[in-house]
Amino acid sequence: MKRKRFTEEQIIAVLREHEAGAKAGDLARKHGISEATLYNWKAKYGGMDVSDAKRLKALEDENAK
């Protein structure tokens, strides 16, 4: 399985920067991701707290079994 470069905590931190007004292109360059990745993260993790993301990850792992 492919190893992920960013944890849920890091993803949410990037999304909070975006919500605070940082431009998507600037964030993408700063963190070494594409703008499309940023928007995919926003669709999946937008509006979540770290605890919500961990709960989502646990449910996804449980459903994969």
PDB file of N, CA and C in Angstrom:
ATOM      1  N   MET A   1       0.845  -1.180   0.000  1.00  0.00           N
ATOM      2  CA  MET A   1       0.000   0.000   0.000  1.00  0.00           C
ATOM      3  C   MET A   1       0.888   1.241   0.000  1.00  0.00           C
ATOM      4  N   LYS A   2       0.461   2.250  -0.699  1.00  0.00           N
ATOM      5  CA  LYS A   2       1.230   3.482  -0.806  1.00  0.00           C
ATOM      6  C   LYS A   2       1.263   4.218   0.532  1.00  0.00           C
ATOM      7  N   ARG A   3       2.470   4.665   0.905  1.00  0.00           N
ATOM      8  CA  ARG A   3       2.626   5.425   2.145  1.00  0.00           C
ATOM      9  C   ARG A   3       2.202   6.864   1.909  1.00  0.00           C
ATOM     10  N   LYS A   4       1.458   7.410   2.841  1.00  0.00           N
ATOM     11  CA  LYS A   4       1.000   8.788   2.721  1.00  0.00           C
ATOM     12  C   LYS A   4       2.062   9.720   3.272  1.00  0.00           C
ATOM     13  N   ARG A   5       2.260  10.847   2.599  1.00  0.00           N
ATOM     14  CA  ARG A   5       3.270  11.813   3.027  1.00  0.00           C
ATOM     15  C   ARG A   5       2.776  12.713   4.140  1.00  0.00           C
ATOM     16  N   PHE A   6       1.477  12.903   4.222  1.00  0.00           N
ATOM     17  CA  PHE A   6       0.911  13.831   5.194  1.00  0.00           C
ATOM     18  C   PHE A   6      -0.058  13.096   6.110  1.00  0.00           C
ATOM     19  N   THR A   7       0.021  13.399   7.396  1.00  0.00           N
ATOM     20  CA  THR A   7      -0.939  12.838   8.344  1.00  0.00           C
ATOM     21  C   THR A   7      -2.210  13.686   8.301  1.00  0.00           C
ATOM     22  N   GLU A   8      -3.251  13.180   8.934  1.00  0.00           N
ATOM     23  CA  GLU A   8      -4.501  13.937   8.979  1.00  0.00           C
ATOM     24  C   GLU A   8      -4.302  15.280   9.672  1.00  0.00           C
ATOM     25  N   GLU A   9      -3.463  15.289  10.705  1.00  0.00           N
ATOM     26  CA  GLU A   9      -3.202  16.534  11.428  1.00  0.00           C
ATOM     27  C   GLU A   9      -2.553  17.574  10.522  1.00  0.00           C
ATOM     28  N   GLN A  10      -1.589  17.122   9.712  1.00  0.00           N
ATOM     29  CA  GLN A  10      -0.907  18.039   8.801  1.00  0.00           C
ATOM     30  C   GLN A  10      -1.858  18.551   7.725  1.00  0.00           C
ATOM     31  N   ILE A  11      -2.705  17.673   7.215  1.00  0.00           N
ATOM     32  CA  ILE A  11      -3.666  18.069   6.185  1.00  0.00           C
ATOM     33  C   ILE A  11      -4.607  19.133   6.733  1.00  0.00           C
ATOM     34  N   ILE A  12      -5.107  18.924   7.936  1.00  0.00           N
ATOM     35  CA  ILE A  12      -6.030  19.889   8.535  1.00  0.00           C
ATOM     36  C   ILE A  12      -5.325  21.215   8.800  1.00  0.00           C
ATOM     37  N   ALA A  13      -4.039  21.163   9.162  1.00  0.00           N
ATOM     38  CA  ALA A  13      -3.281  22.401   9.365  1.00  0.00           C
ATOM     39  C   ALA A  13      -3.160  23.182   8.059  1.00  0.00           C
ATOM     40  N   VAL A  14      -2.916  22.489   6.953  1.00  0.00           N
ATOM     41  CA  VAL A  14      -2.835  23.149   5.644  1.00  0.00           C
ATOM     42  C   VAL A  14      -4.188  23.756   5.285  1.00  0.00           C
ATOM     43  N   LEU A  15      -5.267  23.021   5.534  1.00  0.00           N
ATOM     44  CA  LEU A  15      -6.600  23.532   5.217  1.00  0.00           C
ATOM     45  C   LEU A  15      -6.959  24.741   6.072  1.00  0.00           C
ATOM     46  N   ARG A  16      -6.500  24.767   7.309  1.00  0.00           N
ATOM     47  CA  ARG A  16      -6.754  25.937   8.163  1.00  0.00           C
ATOM     48  C   ARG A  16      -6.027  27.160   7.625  1.00  0.00           C
ATOM     49  N   GLU A  17      -4.808  26.961   7.091  1.00  0.00           N
ATOM     50  CA  GLU A  17      -4.091  28.073   6.468  1.00  0.00           C
ATOM     51  C   GLU A  17      -4.902  28.617   5.294  1.00  0.00           C
ATOM     52  N   HIS A  18      -5.481  27.692   4.512  1.00  0.00           N
ATOM     53  CA  HIS A  18      -6.280  28.094   3.353  1.00  0.00           C
ATOM     54  C   HIS A  18      -7.523  28.859   3.800  1.00  0.00           C
ATOM     55  N   GLU A  19      -8.165  28.393   4.858  1.00  0.00           N
ATOM     56  CA  GLU A  19      -9.353  29.073   5.382  1.00  0.00           C
ATOM     57  C   GLU A  19      -9.008  30.453   5.933  1.00  0.00           C
ATOM     58  N   ALA A  20      -7.771  30.613   6.413  1.00  0.00           N
ATOM     59  CA  ALA A  20      -7.334  31.892   6.972  1.00  0.00           C
ATOM     60  C   ALA A  20      -7.039  32.920   5.885  1.00  0.00           C
ATOM     61  N   GLY A  21      -7.071  32.493   4.624  1.00  0.00           N
ATOM     62  CA  GLY A  21      -6.912  33.446   3.544  1.00  0.00           C
ATOM     63  C   GLY A  21      -5.711  33.235   2.650  1.00  0.00           C
ATOM     64  N   ALA A  22      -4.903  32.205   2.909  1.00  0.00           N
ATOM     65  CA  ALA A  22      -3.755  31.940   2.050  1.00  0.00           C
ATOM     66  C   ALA A  22      -4.248  31.434   0.694  1.00  0.00           C
ATOM     67  N   LYS A  23      -3.544  31.816  -0.363  1.00  0.00           N
ATOM     68  CA  LYS A  23      -3.935  31.393  -1.708  1.00  0.00           C
ATOM     69  C   LYS A  23      -3.560  29.930  -1.928  1.00  0.00           C
ATOM     70  N   ALA A  24      -4.385  29.237  -2.696  1.00  0.00           N
ATOM     71  CA  ALA A  24      -4.182  27.811  -2.939  1.00  0.00           C
ATOM     72  C   ALA A  24      -2.848  27.552  -3.629  1.00  0.00           C
ATOM     73  N   GLY A  25      -2.500  28.364  -4.606  1.00  0.00           N
ATOM     74  CA  GLY A  25      -1.238  28.183  -5.318  1.00  0.00           C
ATOM     75  C   GLY A  25      -0.035  28.347  -4.413  1.00  0.00           C
ATOM     76  N   ASP A  26      -0.094  29.335  -3.527  1.00  0.00           N
ATOM     77  CA  ASP A  26       1.008  29.565  -2.591  1.00  0.00           C
ATOM     78  C   ASP A  26       1.152  28.396  -1.619  1.00  0.00           C
ATOM     79  N   LEU A  27       0.031  27.908  -1.108  1.00  0.00           N
ATOM     80  CA  LEU A  27       0.073  26.765  -0.190  1.00  0.00           C
ATOM     81  C   LEU A  27       0.599  25.515  -0.887  1.00  0.00           C
ATOM     82  N   ALA A  28       0.187  25.313  -2.126  1.00  0.00           N
ATOM     83  CA  ALA A  28       0.632  24.140  -2.872  1.00  0.00           C
ATOM     84  C   ALA A  28       2.152  24.157  -3.034  1.00  0.00           C
ATOM     85  N   ARG A  29       2.704  25.295  -3.411  1.00  0.00           N
ATOM     86  CA  ARG A  29       4.155  25.394  -3.559  1.00  0.00           C
ATOM     87  C   ARG A  29       4.866  25.220  -2.224  1.00  0.00           C
ATOM     88  N   LYS A  30       4.338  25.822  -1.187  1.00  0.00           N
ATOM     89  CA  LYS A  30       4.962  25.777   0.139  1.00  0.00           C
ATOM     90  C   LYS A  30       5.054  24.347   0.669  1.00  0.00           C
ATOM     91  N   HIS A  31       4.009  23.555   0.444  1.00  0.00           N
ATOM     92  CA  HIS A  31       3.949  22.208   1.007  1.00  0.00           C
ATOM     93  C   HIS A  31       4.296  21.112   0.001  1.00  0.00           C
ATOM     94  N   GLY A  32       4.579  21.477  -1.238  1.00  0.00           N
ATOM     95  CA  GLY A  32       4.983  20.492  -2.233  1.00  0.00           C
ATOM     96  C   GLY A  32       3.858  19.608  -2.722  1.00  0.00           C
ATOM     97  N   ILE A  33       2.662  20.176  -2.847  1.00  0.00           N
ATOM     98  CA  ILE A  33       1.508  19.431  -3.348  1.00  0.00           C
ATOM     99  C   ILE A  33       0.920  20.190  -4.531  1.00  0.00           C
ATOM    100  N   SER A  34       0.020  19.544  -5.252  1.00  0.00           N
ATOM    101  CA  SER A  34      -0.659  20.239  -6.340  1.00  0.00           C
ATOM    102  C   SER A  34      -1.912  20.929  -5.801  1.00  0.00           C
ATOM    103  N   GLU A  35      -2.397  21.892  -6.562  1.00  0.00           N
ATOM    104  CA  GLU A  35      -3.639  22.560  -6.155  1.00  0.00           C
ATOM    105  C   GLU A  35      -4.790  21.567  -6.141  1.00  0.00           C
ATOM    106  N   ALA A  36      -4.766  20.605  -7.069  1.00  0.00           N
ATOM    107  CA  ALA A  36      -5.825  19.595  -7.112  1.00  0.00           C
ATOM    108  C   ALA A  36      -5.843  18.775  -5.823  1.00  0.00           C
ATOM    109  N   THR A  37      -4.656  18.445  -5.314  1.00  0.00           N
ATOM    110  CA  THR A  37      -4.577  17.712  -4.048  1.00  0.00           C
ATOM    111  C   THR A  37      -5.173  18.529  -2.924  1.00  0.00           C
ATOM    112  N   LEU A  38      -4.875  19.815  -2.906  1.00  0.00           N
ATOM    113  CA  LEU A  38      -5.422  20.697  -1.874  1.00  0.00           C
ATOM    114  C   LEU A  38      -6.948  20.694  -1.914  1.00  0.00           C
ATOM    115  N   TYR A  39      -7.513  20.791  -3.104  1.00  0.00           N
ATOM    116  CA  TYR A  39      -8.970  20.808  -3.215  1.00  0.00           C
ATOM    117  C   TYR A  39      -9.580  19.444  -2.902  1.00  0.00           C
ATOM    118  N   ASN A  40      -8.865  18.355  -3.219  1.00  0.00           N
ATOM    119  CA  ASN A  40      -9.347  17.019  -2.831  1.00  0.00           C
ATOM    120  C   ASN A  40      -9.366  16.876  -1.316  1.00  0.00           C
ATOM    121  N   TRP A  41      -8.318  17.374  -0.667  1.00  0.00           N
ATOM    122  CA  TRP A  41      -8.286  17.356   0.798  1.00  0.00           C
ATOM    123  C   TRP A  41      -9.427  18.184   1.361  1.00  0.00           C
ATOM    124  N   LYS A  42      -9.680  19.323   0.739  1.00  0.00           N
ATOM    125  CA  LYS A  42     -10.754  20.201   1.219  1.00  0.00           C
ATOM    126  C   LYS A  42     -12.101  19.487   1.122  1.00  0.00           C
ATOM    127  N   ALA A  43     -12.301  18.729   0.040  1.00  0.00           N
ATOM    128  CA  ALA A  43     -13.551  17.990  -0.128  1.00  0.00           C
ATOM    129  C   ALA A  43     -13.689  16.889   0.923  1.00  0.00           C
ATOM    130  N   LYS A  44     -12.568  16.261   1.281  1.00  0.00           N
ATOM    131  CA  LYS A  44     -12.625  15.144   2.222  1.00  0.00           C
ATOM    132  C   LYS A  44     -12.565  15.599   3.679  1.00  0.00           C
ATOM    133  N   TYR A  45     -11.685  16.543   3.983  1.00  0.00           N
ATOM    134  CA  TYR A  45     -11.431  16.926   5.373  1.00  0.00           C
ATOM    135  C   TYR A  45     -11.924  18.323   5.729  1.00  0.00           C
ATOM    136  N   GLY A  46     -12.542  19.029   4.810  1.00  0.00           N
ATOM    137  CA  GLY A  46     -12.963  20.401   5.074  1.00  0.00           C
ATOM    138  C   GLY A  46     -13.934  20.495   6.239  1.00  0.00           C
ATOM    139  N   GLY A  47     -13.667  21.401   7.165  1.00  0.00           N
ATOM    140  CA  GLY A  47     -14.545  21.606   8.304  1.00  0.00           C
ATOM    141  C   GLY A  47     -14.358  20.629   9.441  1.00  0.00           C
ATOM    142  N   MET A  48     -13.378  19.737   9.332  1.00  0.00           N
ATOM    143  CA  MET A  48     -13.154  18.747  10.387  1.00  0.00           C
ATOM    144  C   MET A  48     -12.111  19.242  11.375  1.00  0.00           C
ATOM    145  N   ASP A  49     -12.222  18.732  12.590  1.00  0.00           N
ATOM    146  CA  ASP A  49     -11.163  18.887  13.575  1.00  0.00           C
ATOM    147  C   ASP A  49     -10.280  17.648  13.491  1.00  0.00           C
ATOM    148  N   VAL A  50      -9.170  17.677  14.194  1.00  0.00           N
ATOM    149  CA  VAL A  50      -8.260  16.536  14.178  1.00  0.00           C
ATOM    150  C   VAL A  50      -8.947  15.291  14.724  1.00  0.00           C
ATOM    151  N   SER A  51      -9.749  15.445  15.772  1.00  0.00           N
ATOM    152  CA  SER A  51     -10.437  14.283  16.349  1.00  0.00           C
ATOM    153  C   SER A  51     -11.434  13.684  15.359  1.00  0.00           C
ATOM    154  N   ASP A  52     -12.104  14.540  14.585  1.00  0.00           N
ATOM    155  CA  ASP A  52     -13.036  14.044  13.567  1.00  0.00           C
ATOM    156  C   ASP A  52     -12.294  13.255  12.492  1.00  0.00           C
ATOM    157  N   ALA A  53     -11.133  13.752  12.085  1.00  0.00           N
ATOM    158  CA  ALA A  53     -10.350  13.076  11.055  1.00  0.00           C
ATOM    159  C   ALA A  53      -9.859  11.718  11.547  1.00  0.00           C
ATOM    160  N   LYS A  54      -9.455  11.650  12.803  1.00  0.00           N
ATOM    161  CA  LYS A  54      -9.005  10.369  13.355  1.00  0.00           C
ATOM    162  C   LYS A  54     -10.158   9.373  13.415  1.00  0.00           C
ATOM    163  N   ARG A  55     -11.352   9.857  13.771  1.00  0.00           N
ATOM    164  CA  ARG A  55     -12.519   8.984  13.817  1.00  0.00           C
ATOM    165  C   ARG A  55     -12.862   8.483  12.411  1.00  0.00           C
ATOM    166  N   LEU A  56     -12.767   9.362  11.406  1.00  0.00           N
ATOM    167  CA  LEU A  56     -13.011   8.969  10.020  1.00  0.00           C
ATOM    168  C   LEU A  56     -12.016   7.902   9.586  1.00  0.00           C
ATOM    169  N   LYS A  57     -10.742   8.087   9.919  1.00  0.00           N
ATOM    170  CA  LYS A  57      -9.702   7.122   9.567  1.00  0.00           C
ATOM    171  C   LYS A  57      -9.980   5.778  10.224  1.00  0.00           C
ATOM    172  N   ALA A  58     -10.387   5.791  11.490  1.00  0.00           N
ATOM    173  CA  ALA A  58     -10.687   4.547  12.196  1.00  0.00           C
ATOM    174  C   ALA A  58     -11.862   3.821  11.546  1.00  0.00           C
ATOM    175  N   LEU A  59     -12.883   4.559  11.162  1.00  0.00           N
ATOM    176  CA  LEU A  59     -14.036   3.938  10.497  1.00  0.00           C
ATOM    177  C   LEU A  59     -13.658   3.371   9.136  1.00  0.00           C
ATOM    178  N   GLU A  60     -12.815   4.092   8.389  1.00  0.00           N
ATOM    179  CA  GLU A  60     -12.374   3.586   7.087  1.00  0.00           C
ATOM    180  C   GLU A  60     -11.574   2.305   7.252  1.00  0.00           C
ATOM    181  N   ASP A  61     -10.699   2.262   8.263  1.00  0.00           N
ATOM    182  CA  ASP A  61      -9.914   1.053   8.517  1.00  0.00           C
ATOM    183  C   ASP A  61     -10.812  -0.109   8.920  1.00  0.00           C
ATOM    184  N   GLU A  62     -11.811   0.169   9.751  1.00  0.00           N
ATOM    185  CA  GLU A  62     -12.732  -0.876  10.191  1.00  0.00           C
ATOM    186  C   GLU A  62     -13.542  -1.416   9.015  1.00  0.00           C
ATOM    187  N   ASN A  63     -13.983  -0.537   8.140  1.00  0.00           N
ATOM    188  CA  ASN A  63     -14.779  -0.971   6.994  1.00  0.00           C
ATOM    189  C   ASN A  63     -13.944  -1.721   5.963  1.00  0.00           C
ATOM    190  N   ALA A  64     -12.646  -1.495   5.951  1.00  0.00           N
ATOM    191  CA  ALA A  64     -11.777  -2.185   5.003  1.00  0.00           C
ATOM    192  C   ALA A  64     -11.558  -3.646   5.390  1.00  0.00           C
ATOM    193  N   LYS A  65     -11.848  -3.993   6.635  1.00  0.00           N
ATOM    194  CA  LYS A  65     -11.632  -5.379   7.096  1.00  0.00           C
ATOM    195  C   LYS A  65     -12.677  -6.314   6.568  1.00  0.00           C
TER     196      LYS A  65
END
